[in-house]
Amino acid sequence: MSISYHDVEKLQALYPNHQIELKEGKLILMGPSDAISAIIGARFIAFLSPWVFRNNRGQVLDSSIGYRLPDGDLLSPAVSFVSRERLKQFPLPNCSPAGKYPLPVSGRPSSTNVFTK
């Protein structure tokens, strides 16, 4: 039985305080970030956002968005950037179309667990 992003969405409903990703057929269940991961993500957003908005380059997003990749993986990087050109082609949905947004950045909390099915 293969795991799909629909399965990830169901698990996310059961564990709303955890970040759940699907990578290479493996579920990655992450608890809340540790302080270092949270600081790095916040600083990256703080440094990237002024440049993006000042130059009207697109949007900076946090880990709340999921990216469906062409191979079926579903990832939620800590920080991502979507260019203005990509936004015109693919307006931001609840979950992005397969691999359309190019700059994901992700830090892994020390409590990351990988479960395989």
PDB file of N, CA and C in Angstrom:
ATOM      1  N   MET A   1       0.843  -1.177   0.000  1.00  0.00           N
ATOM      2  CA  MET A   1       0.000   0.000   0.000  1.00  0.00           C
ATOM      3  C   MET A   1       0.888   1.240   0.000  1.00  0.00           C
ATOM      4  N   SER A   2       0.606   2.174  -0.918  1.00  0.00           N
ATOM      5  CA  SER A   2       1.408   3.386  -0.958  1.00  0.00           C
ATOM      6  C   SER A   2       0.702   4.502  -0.188  1.00  0.00           C
ATOM      7  N   ILE A   3       1.503   5.386   0.362  1.00  0.00           N
ATOM      8  CA  ILE A   3       0.994   6.500   1.146  1.00  0.00           C
ATOM      9  C   ILE A   3       0.919   7.719   0.237  1.00  0.00           C
ATOM     10  N   SER A   4      -0.173   8.457   0.295  1.00  0.00           N
ATOM     11  CA  SER A   4      -0.336   9.635  -0.555  1.00  0.00           C
ATOM     12  C   SER A   4      -0.458  10.891   0.309  1.00  0.00           C
ATOM     13  N   TYR A   5      -0.485  12.034  -0.358  1.00  0.00           N
ATOM     14  CA  TYR A   5      -0.640  13.276   0.405  1.00  0.00           C
ATOM     15  C   TYR A   5      -2.005  13.350   1.063  1.00  0.00           C
ATOM     16  N   HIS A   6      -2.987  12.620   0.546  1.00  0.00           N
ATOM     17  CA  HIS A   6      -4.303  12.574   1.204  1.00  0.00           C
ATOM     18  C   HIS A   6      -4.183  11.923   2.587  1.00  0.00           C
ATOM     19  N   ASP A   7      -3.329  10.889   2.683  1.00  0.00           N
ATOM     20  CA  ASP A   7      -3.080  10.257   3.985  1.00  0.00           C
ATOM     21  C   ASP A   7      -2.416  11.235   4.949  1.00  0.00           C
ATOM     22  N   VAL A   8      -1.497  12.036   4.418  1.00  0.00           N
ATOM     23  CA  VAL A   8      -0.820  13.030   5.248  1.00  0.00           C
ATOM     24  C   VAL A   8      -1.832  14.052   5.770  1.00  0.00           C
ATOM     25  N   GLU A   9      -2.744  14.471   4.909  1.00  0.00           N
ATOM     26  CA  GLU A   9      -3.769  15.428   5.335  1.00  0.00           C
ATOM     27  C   GLU A   9      -4.639  14.847   6.453  1.00  0.00           C
ATOM     28  N   LYS A  10      -4.972  13.565   6.369  1.00  0.00           N
ATOM     29  CA  LYS A  10      -5.762  12.918   7.420  1.00  0.00           C
ATOM     30  C   LYS A  10      -4.988  12.879   8.739  1.00  0.00           C
ATOM     31  N   LEU A  11      -3.695  12.538   8.654  1.00  0.00           N
ATOM     32  CA  LEU A  11      -2.867  12.511   9.866  1.00  0.00           C
ATOM     33  C   LEU A  11      -2.713  13.899  10.460  1.00  0.00           C
ATOM     34  N   GLN A  12      -2.603  14.906   9.593  1.00  0.00           N
ATOM     35  CA  GLN A  12      -2.463  16.274  10.087  1.00  0.00           C
ATOM     36  C   GLN A  12      -3.689  16.691  10.888  1.00  0.00           C
ATOM     37  N   ALA A  13      -4.855  16.217  10.472  1.00  0.00           N
ATOM     38  CA  ALA A  13      -6.078  16.517  11.220  1.00  0.00           C
ATOM     39  C   ALA A  13      -6.040  15.866  12.609  1.00  0.00           C
ATOM     40  N   LEU A  14      -5.418  14.693  12.706  1.00  0.00           N
ATOM     41  CA  LEU A  14      -5.315  14.002  13.995  1.00  0.00           C
ATOM     42  C   LEU A  14      -4.231  14.596  14.889  1.00  0.00           C
ATOM     43  N   TYR A  15      -3.169  15.131  14.277  1.00  0.00           N
ATOM     44  CA  TYR A  15      -2.033  15.680  15.018  1.00  0.00           C
ATOM     45  C   TYR A  15      -1.754  17.110  14.561  1.00  0.00           C
ATOM     46  N   PRO A  16      -2.635  18.052  14.891  1.00  0.00           N
ATOM     47  CA  PRO A  16      -2.503  19.408  14.371  1.00  0.00           C
ATOM     48  C   PRO A  16      -1.274  20.172  14.875  1.00  0.00           C
ATOM     49  N   ASN A  17      -0.683  19.741  15.974  1.00  0.00           N
ATOM     50  CA  ASN A  17       0.490  20.439  16.508  1.00  0.00           C
ATOM     51  C   ASN A  17       1.807  19.878  15.981  1.00  0.00           C
ATOM     52  N   HIS A  18       1.726  18.942  15.043  1.00  0.00           N
ATOM     53  CA  HIS A  18       2.923  18.341  14.470  1.00  0.00           C
ATOM     54  C   HIS A  18       3.009  18.661  12.985  1.00  0.00           C
ATOM     55  N   GLN A  19       4.217  18.758  12.502  1.00  0.00           N
ATOM     56  CA  GLN A  19       4.431  18.919  11.061  1.00  0.00           C
ATOM     57  C   GLN A  19       4.616  17.517  10.492  1.00  0.00           C
ATOM     58  N   ILE A  20       3.830  17.188   9.477  1.00  0.00           N
ATOM     59  CA  ILE A  20       3.888  15.862   8.875  1.00  0.00           C
ATOM     60  C   ILE A  20       4.226  16.013   7.406  1.00  0.00           C
ATOM     61  N   GLU A  21       5.241  15.297   6.963  1.00  0.00           N
ATOM     62  CA  GLU A  21       5.662  15.328   5.570  1.00  0.00           C
ATOM     63  C   GLU A  21       5.710  13.911   5.021  1.00  0.00           C
ATOM     64  N   LEU A  22       5.650  13.821   3.713  1.00  0.00           N
ATOM     65  CA  LEU A  22       5.796  12.550   3.018  1.00  0.00           C
ATOM     66  C   LEU A  22       7.007  12.682   2.112  1.00  0.00           C
ATOM     67  N   LYS A  23       8.024  11.863   2.350  1.00  0.00           N
ATOM     68  CA  LYS A  23       9.248  11.936   1.557  1.00  0.00           C
ATOM     69  C   LYS A  23       9.706  10.529   1.209  1.00  0.00           C
ATOM     70  N   GLU A  24       9.782  10.265  -0.082  1.00  0.00           N
ATOM     71  CA  GLU A  24      10.221   8.959  -0.590  1.00  0.00           C
ATOM     72  C   GLU A  24       9.425   7.825   0.033  1.00  0.00           C
ATOM     73  N   GLY A  25       8.122   8.022   0.162  1.00  0.00           N
ATOM     74  CA  GLY A  25       7.254   6.993   0.706  1.00  0.00           C
ATOM     75  C   GLY A  25       7.302   6.842   2.209  1.00  0.00           C
ATOM     76  N   LYS A  26       8.058   7.706   2.887  1.00  0.00           N
ATOM     77  CA  LYS A  26       8.174   7.641   4.335  1.00  0.00           C
ATOM     78  C   LYS A  26       7.470   8.841   4.952  1.00  0.00           C
ATOM     79  N   LEU A  27       6.757   8.584   6.031  1.00  0.00           N
ATOM     80  CA  LEU A  27       6.142   9.673   6.779  1.00  0.00           C
ATOM     81  C   LEU A  27       7.171  10.262   7.721  1.00  0.00           C
ATOM     82  N   ILE A  28       7.257  11.571   7.724  1.00  0.00           N
ATOM     83  CA  ILE A  28       8.137  12.271   8.651  1.00  0.00           C
ATOM     84  C   ILE A  28       7.240  13.061   9.585  1.00  0.00           C
ATOM     85  N   LEU A  29       7.270  12.711  10.847  1.00  0.00           N
ATOM     86  CA  LEU A  29       6.446  13.348  11.862  1.00  0.00           C
ATOM     87  C   LEU A  29       7.369  14.155  12.770  1.00  0.00           C
ATOM     88  N   MET A  30       7.137  15.473  12.795  1.00  0.00           N
ATOM     89  CA  MET A  30       7.986  16.345  13.590  1.00  0.00           C
ATOM     90  C   MET A  30       7.153  17.057  14.637  1.00  0.00           C
ATOM     91  N   GLY A  31       7.631  17.018  15.853  1.00  0.00           N
ATOM     92  CA  GLY A  31       6.978  17.764  16.918  1.00  0.00           C
ATOM     93  C   GLY A  31       7.268  19.243  16.743  1.00  0.00           C
ATOM     94  N   PRO A  32       6.785  20.038  17.654  1.00  0.00           N
ATOM     95  CA  PRO A  32       7.082  21.467  17.584  1.00  0.00           C
ATOM     96  C   PRO A  32       8.591  21.695  17.538  1.00  0.00           C
ATOM     97  N   SER A  33       8.996  22.751  16.838  1.00  0.00           N
ATOM     98  CA  SER A  33      10.419  23.051  16.675  1.00  0.00           C
ATOM     99  C   SER A  33      11.088  23.344  18.006  1.00  0.00           C
ATOM    100  N   ASP A  34      12.377  23.027  18.060  1.00  0.00           N
ATOM    101  CA  ASP A  34      13.142  23.446  19.226  1.00  0.00           C
ATOM    102  C   ASP A  34      13.499  24.923  19.051  1.00  0.00           C
ATOM    103  N   ALA A  35      14.055  25.530  20.060  1.00  0.00           N
ATOM    104  CA  ALA A  35      14.316  26.970  20.046  1.00  0.00           C
ATOM    105  C   ALA A  35      15.263  27.371  18.912  1.00  0.00           C
ATOM    106  N   ILE A  36      16.302  26.601  18.676  1.00  0.00           N
ATOM    107  CA  ILE A  36      17.277  26.953  17.637  1.00  0.00           C
ATOM    108  C   ILE A  36      16.625  26.940  16.264  1.00  0.00           C
ATOM    109  N   SER A  37      15.844  25.913  15.961  1.00  0.00           N
ATOM    110  CA  SER A  37      15.156  25.843  14.670  1.00  0.00           C
ATOM    111  C   SER A  37      14.185  27.006  14.498  1.00  0.00           C
ATOM    112  N   ALA A  38      13.477  27.344  15.555  1.00  0.00           N
ATOM    113  CA  ALA A  38      12.522  28.451  15.497  1.00  0.00           C
ATOM    114  C   ALA A  38      13.235  29.777  15.268  1.00  0.00           C
ATOM    115  N   ILE A  39      14.365  29.971  15.928  1.00  0.00           N
ATOM    116  CA  ILE A  39      15.138  31.211  15.760  1.00  0.00           C
ATOM    117  C   ILE A  39      15.668  31.325  14.337  1.00  0.00           C
ATOM    118  N   ILE A  40      16.209  30.242  13.809  1.00  0.00           N
ATOM    119  CA  ILE A  40      16.745  30.261  12.443  1.00  0.00           C
ATOM    120  C   ILE A  40      15.643  30.572  11.435  1.00  0.00           C
ATOM    121  N   GLY A  41      14.496  29.919  11.562  1.00  0.00           N
ATOM    122  CA  GLY A  41      13.379  30.182  10.648  1.00  0.00           C
ATOM    123  C   GLY A  41      12.897  31.623  10.746  1.00  0.00           C
ATOM    124  N   ALA A  42      12.759  32.128  11.962  1.00  0.00           N
ATOM    125  CA  ALA A  42      12.299  33.508  12.156  1.00  0.00           C
ATOM    126  C   ALA A  42      13.300  34.509  11.592  1.00  0.00           C
ATOM    127  N   ARG A  43      14.575  34.271  11.803  1.00  0.00           N
ATOM    128  CA  ARG A  43      15.597  35.182  11.267  1.00  0.00           C
ATOM    129  C   ARG A  43      15.631  35.137   9.746  1.00  0.00           C
ATOM    130  N   PHE A  44      15.499  33.960   9.185  1.00  0.00           N
ATOM    131  CA  PHE A  44      15.513  33.847   7.729  1.00  0.00           C
ATOM    132  C   PHE A  44      14.350  34.637   7.137  1.00  0.00           C
ATOM    133  N   ILE A  45      13.159  34.519   7.726  1.00  0.00           N
ATOM    134  CA  ILE A  45      12.004  35.293   7.262  1.00  0.00           C
ATOM    135  C   ILE A  45      12.271  36.791   7.449  1.00  0.00           C
ATOM    136  N   ALA A  46      12.829  37.170   8.601  1.00  0.00           N
ATOM    137  CA  ALA A  46      13.098  38.584   8.882  1.00  0.00           C
ATOM    138  C   ALA A  46      14.093  39.178   7.897  1.00  0.00           C
ATOM    139  N   PHE A  47      15.107  38.429   7.503  1.00  0.00           N
ATOM    140  CA  PHE A  47      16.111  38.943   6.571  1.00  0.00           C
ATOM    141  C   PHE A  47      15.621  38.920   5.123  1.00  0.00           C
ATOM    142  N   LEU A  48      14.875  37.906   4.745  1.00  0.00           N
ATOM    143  CA  LEU A  48      14.429  37.745   3.363  1.00  0.00           C
ATOM    144  C   LEU A  48      13.248  38.657   3.024  1.00  0.00           C
ATOM    145  N   SER A  49      12.316  38.805   3.945  1.00  0.00           N
ATOM    146  CA  SER A  49      11.082  39.551   3.670  1.00  0.00           C
ATOM    147  C   SER A  49      11.289  40.994   3.218  1.00  0.00           C
ATOM    148  N   PRO A  50      12.119  41.796   3.889  1.00  0.00           N
ATOM    149  CA  PRO A  50      12.268  43.184   3.422  1.00  0.00           C
ATOM    150  C   PRO A  50      12.746  43.279   1.972  1.00  0.00           C
ATOM    151  N   TRP A  51      13.696  42.456   1.579  1.00  0.00           N
ATOM    152  CA  TRP A  51      14.192  42.483   0.202  1.00  0.00           C
ATOM    153  C   TRP A  51      13.088  42.074  -0.775  1.00  0.00           C
ATOM    154  N   VAL A  52      12.371  41.010  -0.448  1.00  0.00           N
ATOM    155  CA  VAL A  52      11.304  40.520  -1.324  1.00  0.00           C
ATOM    156  C   VAL A  52      10.227  41.588  -1.500  1.00  0.00           C
ATOM    157  N   PHE A  53       9.766  42.188  -0.416  1.00  0.00           N
ATOM    158  CA  PHE A  53       8.668  43.157  -0.504  1.00  0.00           C
ATOM    159  C   PHE A  53       9.123  44.502  -1.059  1.00  0.00           C
ATOM    160  N   ARG A  54      10.317  44.944  -0.695  1.00  0.00           N
ATOM    161  CA  ARG A  54      10.838  46.219  -1.197  1.00  0.00           C
ATOM    162  C   ARG A  54      10.996  46.181  -2.715  1.00  0.00           C
ATOM    163  N   ASN A  55      11.387  45.044  -3.234  1.00  0.00           N
ATOM    164  CA  ASN A  55      11.620  44.895  -4.668  1.00  0.00           C
ATOM    165  C   ASN A  55      10.449  44.231  -5.392  1.00  0.00           C
ATOM    166  N   ASN A  56       9.347  44.045  -4.688  1.00  0.00           N
ATOM    167  CA  ASN A  56       8.142  43.451  -5.274  1.00  0.00           C
ATOM    168  C   ASN A  56       8.461  42.135  -5.999  1.00  0.00           C
ATOM    169  N   ARG A  57       9.179  41.252  -5.289  1.00  0.00           N
ATOM    170  CA  ARG A  57       9.653  39.995  -5.884  1.00  0.00           C
ATOM    171  C   ARG A  57       8.680  38.837  -5.768  1.00  0.00           C
ATOM    172  N   GLY A  58       7.742  38.880  -4.810  1.00  0.00           N
ATOM    173  CA  GLY A  58       6.823  37.760  -4.613  1.00  0.00           C
ATOM    174  C   GLY A  58       6.388  37.674  -3.171  1.00  0.00           C
ATOM    175  N   GLN A  59       6.376  36.454  -2.624  1.00  0.00           N
ATOM    176  CA  GLN A  59       5.928  36.213  -1.253  1.00  0.00           C
ATOM    177  C   GLN A  59       6.911  35.320  -0.506  1.00  0.00           C
ATOM    178  N   VAL A  60       7.021  35.563   0.777  1.00  0.00           N
ATOM    179  CA  VAL A  60       7.778  34.704   1.689  1.00  0.00           C
ATOM    180  C   VAL A  60       6.741  33.979   2.537  1.00  0.00           C
ATOM    181  N   LEU A  61       6.867  32.657   2.624  1.00  0.00           N
ATOM    182  CA  LEU A  61       5.881  31.837   3.332  1.00  0.00           C
ATOM    183  C   LEU A  61       6.543  31.050   4.455  1.00  0.00           C
ATOM    184  N   ASP A  62       5.757  30.730   5.477  1.00  0.00           N
ATOM    185  CA  ASP A  62       6.273  29.927   6.580  1.00  0.00           C
ATOM    186  C   ASP A  62       5.935  28.449   6.368  1.00  0.00           C
ATOM    187  N   SER A  63       6.099  27.661   7.390  1.00  0.00           N
ATOM    188  CA  SER A  63       5.925  26.211   7.263  1.00  0.00           C
ATOM    189  C   SER A  63       4.468  25.769   7.185  1.00  0.00           C
ATOM    190  N   SER A  64       3.544  26.700   7.173  1.00  0.00           N
ATOM    191  CA  SER A  64       2.134  26.316   7.110  1.00  0.00           C
ATOM    192  C   SER A  64       1.720  25.780   5.747  1.00  0.00           C
ATOM    193  N   ILE A  65       2.503  26.068   4.712  1.00  0.00           N
ATOM    194  CA  ILE A  65       2.151  25.601   3.366  1.00  0.00           C
ATOM    195  C   ILE A  65       2.850  24.273   3.074  1.00  0.00           C
ATOM    196  N   GLY A  66       2.179  23.425   2.323  1.00  0.00           N
ATOM    197  CA  GLY A  66       2.765  22.163   1.900  1.00  0.00           C
ATOM    198  C   GLY A  66       3.033  22.210   0.402  1.00  0.00           C
ATOM    199  N   TYR A  67       4.100  21.580  -0.019  1.00  0.00           N
ATOM    200  CA  TYR A  67       4.457  21.524  -1.435  1.00  0.00           C
ATOM    201  C   TYR A  67       4.369  20.091  -1.930  1.00  0.00           C
ATOM    202  N   ARG A  68       3.504  19.862  -2.912  1.00  0.00           N
ATOM    203  CA  ARG A  68       3.411  18.551  -3.548  1.00  0.00           C
ATOM    204  C   ARG A  68       4.445  18.512  -4.659  1.00  0.00           C
ATOM    205  N   LEU A  69       5.371  17.604  -4.572  1.00  0.00           N
ATOM    206  CA  LEU A  69       6.419  17.479  -5.581  1.00  0.00           C
ATOM    207  C   LEU A  69       6.004  16.478  -6.648  1.00  0.00           C
ATOM    208  N   PRO A  70       6.612  16.563  -7.838  1.00  0.00           N
ATOM    209  CA  PRO A  70       6.228  15.665  -8.930  1.00  0.00           C
ATOM    210  C   PRO A  70       6.329  14.178  -8.579  1.00  0.00           C
ATOM    211  N   ASP A  71       7.239  13.824  -7.664  1.00  0.00           N
ATOM    212  CA  ASP A  71       7.399  12.401  -7.304  1.00  0.00           C
ATOM    213  C   ASP A  71       6.405  11.943  -6.235  1.00  0.00           C
ATOM    214  N   GLY A  72       5.474  12.825  -5.824  1.00  0.00           N
ATOM    215  CA  GLY A  72       4.466  12.450  -4.842  1.00  0.00           C
ATOM    216  C   GLY A  72       4.796  12.861  -3.420  1.00  0.00           C
ATOM    217  N   ASP A  73       6.015  13.346  -3.189  1.00  0.00           N
ATOM    218  CA  ASP A  73       6.372  13.800  -1.855  1.00  0.00           C
ATOM    219  C   ASP A  73       5.558  15.034  -1.488  1.00  0.00           C
ATOM    220  N   LEU A  74       5.353  15.224  -0.207  1.00  0.00           N
ATOM    221  CA  LEU A  74       4.672  16.402   0.317  1.00  0.00           C
ATOM    222  C   LEU A  74       5.561  16.975   1.408  1.00  0.00           C
ATOM    223  N   LEU A  75       6.105  18.169   1.164  1.00  0.00           N
ATOM    224  CA  LEU A  75       7.045  18.778   2.098  1.00  0.00           C
ATOM    225  C   LEU A  75       6.543  20.133   2.570  1.00  0.00           C
ATOM    226  N   SER A  76       6.931  20.494   3.784  1.00  0.00           N
ATOM    227  CA  SER A  76       6.590  21.790   4.366  1.00  0.00           C
ATOM    228  C   SER A  76       7.861  22.418   4.917  1.00  0.00           C
ATOM    229  N   PRO A  77       8.602  23.142   4.077  1.00  0.00           N
ATOM    230  CA  PRO A  77       9.841  23.750   4.566  1.00  0.00           C
ATOM    231  C   PRO A  77       9.548  24.845   5.583  1.00  0.00           C
ATOM    232  N   ALA A  78      10.516  25.129   6.423  1.00  0.00           N
ATOM    233  CA  ALA A  78      10.342  26.156   7.453  1.00  0.00           C
ATOM    234  C   ALA A  78      10.065  27.519   6.824  1.00  0.00           C
ATOM    235  N   VAL A  79      10.734  27.820   5.718  1.00  0.00           N
ATOM    236  CA  VAL A  79      10.585  29.091   5.014  1.00  0.00           C
ATOM    237  C   VAL A  79      10.642  28.803   3.525  1.00  0.00           C
ATOM    238  N   SER A  80       9.812  29.492   2.746  1.00  0.00           N
ATOM    239  CA  SER A  80       9.920  29.359   1.290  1.00  0.00           C
ATOM    240  C   SER A  80       9.625  30.699   0.634  1.00  0.00           C
ATOM    241  N   PHE A  81      10.124  30.861  -0.565  1.00  0.00           N
ATOM    242  CA  PHE A  81       9.933  32.071  -1.353  1.00  0.00           C
ATOM    243  C   PHE A  81       9.238  31.691  -2.649  1.00  0.00           C
ATOM    244  N   VAL A  82       8.229  32.477  -3.027  1.00  0.00           N
ATOM    245  CA  VAL A  82       7.523  32.269  -4.286  1.00  0.00           C
ATOM    246  C   VAL A  82       7.649  33.567  -5.088  1.00  0.00           C
ATOM    247  N   SER A  83       8.248  33.478  -6.264  1.00  0.00           N
ATOM    248  CA  SER A  83       8.457  34.673  -7.080  1.00  0.00           C
ATOM    249  C   SER A  83       7.132  35.216  -7.607  1.00  0.00           C
ATOM    250  N   ARG A  84       7.136  36.494  -7.930  1.00  0.00           N
ATOM    251  CA  ARG A  84       5.941  37.147  -8.469  1.00  0.00           C
ATOM    252  C   ARG A  84       5.514  36.484  -9.771  1.00  0.00           C
ATOM    253  N   GLU A  85       6.484  36.085 -10.597  1.00  0.00           N
ATOM    254  CA  GLU A  85       6.176  35.415 -11.867  1.00  0.00           C
ATOM    255  C   GLU A  85       5.469  34.088 -11.637  1.00  0.00           C
ATOM    256  N   ARG A  86       5.935  33.331 -10.648  1.00  0.00           N
ATOM    257  CA  ARG A  86       5.291  32.049 -10.334  1.00  0.00           C
ATOM    258  C   ARG A  86       3.891  32.256  -9.774  1.00  0.00           C
ATOM    259  N   LEU A  87       3.723  33.316  -8.981  1.00  0.00           N
ATOM    260  CA  LEU A  87       2.398  33.600  -8.423  1.00  0.00           C
ATOM    261  C   LEU A  87       1.387  33.910  -9.520  1.00  0.00           C
ATOM    262  N   LYS A  88       1.845  34.557 -10.596  1.00  0.00           N
ATOM    263  CA  LYS A  88       0.945  34.844 -11.714  1.00  0.00           C
ATOM    264  C   LYS A  88       0.511  33.545 -12.391  1.00  0.00           C
ATOM    265  N   GLN A  89       1.441  32.601 -12.521  1.00  0.00           N
ATOM    266  CA  GLN A  89       1.150  31.322 -13.168  1.00  0.00           C
ATOM    267  C   GLN A  89       0.354  30.398 -12.261  1.00  0.00           C
ATOM    268  N   PHE A  90       0.707  30.398 -10.974  1.00  0.00           N
ATOM    269  CA  PHE A  90       0.120  29.473 -10.012  1.00  0.00           C
ATOM    270  C   PHE A  90      -0.247  30.229  -8.739  1.00  0.00           C
ATOM    271  N   PRO A  91      -1.441  30.837  -8.684  1.00  0.00           N
ATOM    272  CA  PRO A  91      -1.837  31.539  -7.456  1.00  0.00           C
ATOM    273  C   PRO A  91      -1.761  30.592  -6.263  1.00  0.00           C
ATOM    274  N   LEU A  92      -1.442  31.139  -5.113  1.00  0.00           N
ATOM    275  CA  LEU A  92      -1.250  30.313  -3.928  1.00  0.00           C
ATOM    276  C   LEU A  92      -2.532  29.596  -3.513  1.00  0.00           C
ATOM    277  N   PRO A  93      -2.539  28.272  -3.631  1.00  0.00           N
ATOM    278  CA  PRO A  93      -3.656  27.466  -3.146  1.00  0.00           C
ATOM    279  C   PRO A  93      -3.370  26.993  -1.725  1.00  0.00           C
ATOM    280  N   ASN A  94      -4.227  26.127  -1.204  1.00  0.00           N
ATOM    281  CA  ASN A  94      -3.970  25.551   0.116  1.00  0.00           C
ATOM    282  C   ASN A  94      -2.716  24.690   0.118  1.00  0.00           C
ATOM    283  N   CYS A  95      -2.464  24.012  -0.983  1.00  0.00           N
ATOM    284  CA  CYS A  95      -1.260  23.201  -1.110  1.00  0.00           C
ATOM    285  C   CYS A  95      -0.767  23.388  -2.533  1.00  0.00           C
ATOM    286  N   SER A  96       0.503  23.717  -2.693  1.00  0.00           N
ATOM    287  CA  SER A  96       1.000  24.131  -3.999  1.00  0.00           C
ATOM    288  C   SER A  96       1.001  22.991  -5.014  1.00  0.00           C
ATOM    289  N   PRO A  97       0.838  23.340  -6.297  1.00  0.00           N
ATOM    290  CA  PRO A  97       0.921  22.323  -7.337  1.00  0.00           C
ATOM    291  C   PRO A  97       2.332  21.775  -7.437  1.00  0.00           C
ATOM    292  N   ALA A  98       2.451  20.616  -7.948  1.00  0.00           N
ATOM    293  CA  ALA A  98       3.691  19.840  -7.965  1.00  0.00           C
ATOM    294  C   ALA A  98       4.940  20.645  -8.292  1.00  0.00           C
ATOM    295  N   GLY A  99       5.733  20.892  -7.252  1.00  0.00           N
ATOM    296  CA  GLY A  99       7.064  21.445  -7.405  1.00  0.00           C
ATOM    297  C   GLY A  99       7.167  22.781  -8.108  1.00  0.00           C
ATOM    298  N   LYS A 100       6.208  23.664  -8.006  1.00  0.00           N
ATOM    299  CA  LYS A 100       6.220  24.900  -8.769  1.00  0.00           C
ATOM    300  C   LYS A 100       6.959  26.030  -8.070  1.00  0.00           C
ATOM    301  N   TYR A 101       7.299  25.897  -6.799  1.00  0.00           N
ATOM    302  CA  TYR A 101       7.914  26.990  -6.070  1.00  0.00           C
ATOM    303  C   TYR A 101       9.337  26.611  -5.690  1.00  0.00           C
ATOM    304  N   PRO A 102      10.312  27.434  -6.074  1.00  0.00           N
ATOM    305  CA  PRO A 102      11.688  26.992  -6.114  1.00  0.00           C
ATOM    306  C   PRO A 102      12.564  27.110  -4.879  1.00  0.00           C
ATOM    307  N   LEU A 103      12.242  27.893  -3.859  1.00  0.00           N
ATOM    308  CA  LEU A 103      13.223  28.133  -2.807  1.00  0.00           C
ATOM    309  C   LEU A 103      12.737  27.698  -1.430  1.00  0.00           C
ATOM    310  N   PRO A 104      12.739  26.404  -1.146  1.00  0.00           N
ATOM    311  CA  PRO A 104      12.385  25.970   0.202  1.00  0.00           C
ATOM    312  C   PRO A 104      13.615  25.947   1.106  1.00  0.00           C
ATOM    313  N   VAL A 105      13.438  26.296   2.362  1.00  0.00           N
ATOM    314  CA  VAL A 105      14.499  26.230   3.356  1.00  0.00           C
ATOM    315  C   VAL A 105      13.914  25.515   4.558  1.00  0.00           C
ATOM    316  N   SER A 106      14.597  24.504   5.053  1.00  0.00           N
ATOM    317  CA  SER A 106      14.031  23.765   6.166  1.00  0.00           C
ATOM    318  C   SER A 106      15.106  23.402   7.169  1.00  0.00           C
ATOM    319  N   GLY A 107      14.802  23.639   8.437  1.00  0.00           N
ATOM    320  CA  GLY A 107      15.638  23.181   9.525  1.00  0.00           C
ATOM    321  C   GLY A 107      14.902  22.059  10.217  1.00  0.00           C
ATOM    322  N   ARG A 108      15.590  21.098  10.731  1.00  0.00           N
ATOM    323  CA  ARG A 108      14.944  19.962  11.386  1.00  0.00           C
ATOM    324  C   ARG A 108      15.100  20.062  12.888  1.00  0.00           C
ATOM    325  N   PRO A 109      13.981  20.051  13.603  1.00  0.00           N
ATOM    326  CA  PRO A 109      14.097  20.029  15.058  1.00  0.00           C
ATOM    327  C   PRO A 109      14.764  18.735  15.528  1.00  0.00           C
ATOM    328  N   SER A 110      15.357  18.794  16.691  1.00  0.00           N
ATOM    329  CA  SER A 110      16.060  17.614  17.192  1.00  0.00           C
ATOM    330  C   SER A 110      15.113  16.460  17.477  1.00  0.00           C
ATOM    331  N   SER A 111      13.802  16.734  17.532  1.00  0.00           N
ATOM    332  CA  SER A 111      12.829  15.684  17.833  1.00  0.00           C
ATOM    333  C   SER A 111      12.252  15.027  16.582  1.00  0.00           C
ATOM    334  N   THR A 112      12.853  15.249  15.410  1.00  0.00           N
ATOM    335  CA  THR A 112      12.324  14.686  14.163  1.00  0.00           C
ATOM    336  C   THR A 112      12.347  13.158  14.222  1.00  0.00           C
ATOM    337  N   ASN A 113      11.218  12.546  13.867  1.00  0.00           N
ATOM    338  CA  ASN A 113      11.114  11.096  13.782  1.00  0.00           C
ATOM    339  C   ASN A 113      10.727  10.719  12.375  1.00  0.00           C
ATOM    340  N   VAL A 114      11.295   9.655  11.872  1.00  0.00           N
ATOM    341  CA  VAL A 114      10.936   9.166  10.546  1.00  0.00           C
ATOM    342  C   VAL A 114      10.273   7.814  10.707  1.00  0.00           C
ATOM    343  N   PHE A 115       9.050   7.710  10.207  1.00  0.00           N
ATOM    344  CA  PHE A 115       8.303   6.449  10.260  1.00  0.00           C
ATOM    345  C   PHE A 115       8.163   5.926   8.851  1.00  0.00           C
ATOM    346  N   THR A 116       8.349   4.651   8.670  1.00  0.00           N
ATOM    347  CA  THR A 116       8.158   4.072   7.346  1.00  0.00           C
ATOM    348  C   THR A 116       6.989   3.125   7.379  1.00  0.00           C
ATOM    349  N   LYS A 117       6.344   3.015   6.270  1.00  0.00           N
ATOM    350  CA  LYS A 117       5.194   2.119   6.165  1.00  0.00           C
ATOM    351  C   LYS A 117       5.501   1.108   5.108  1.00  0.00           C
TER     352      LYS A 117
END
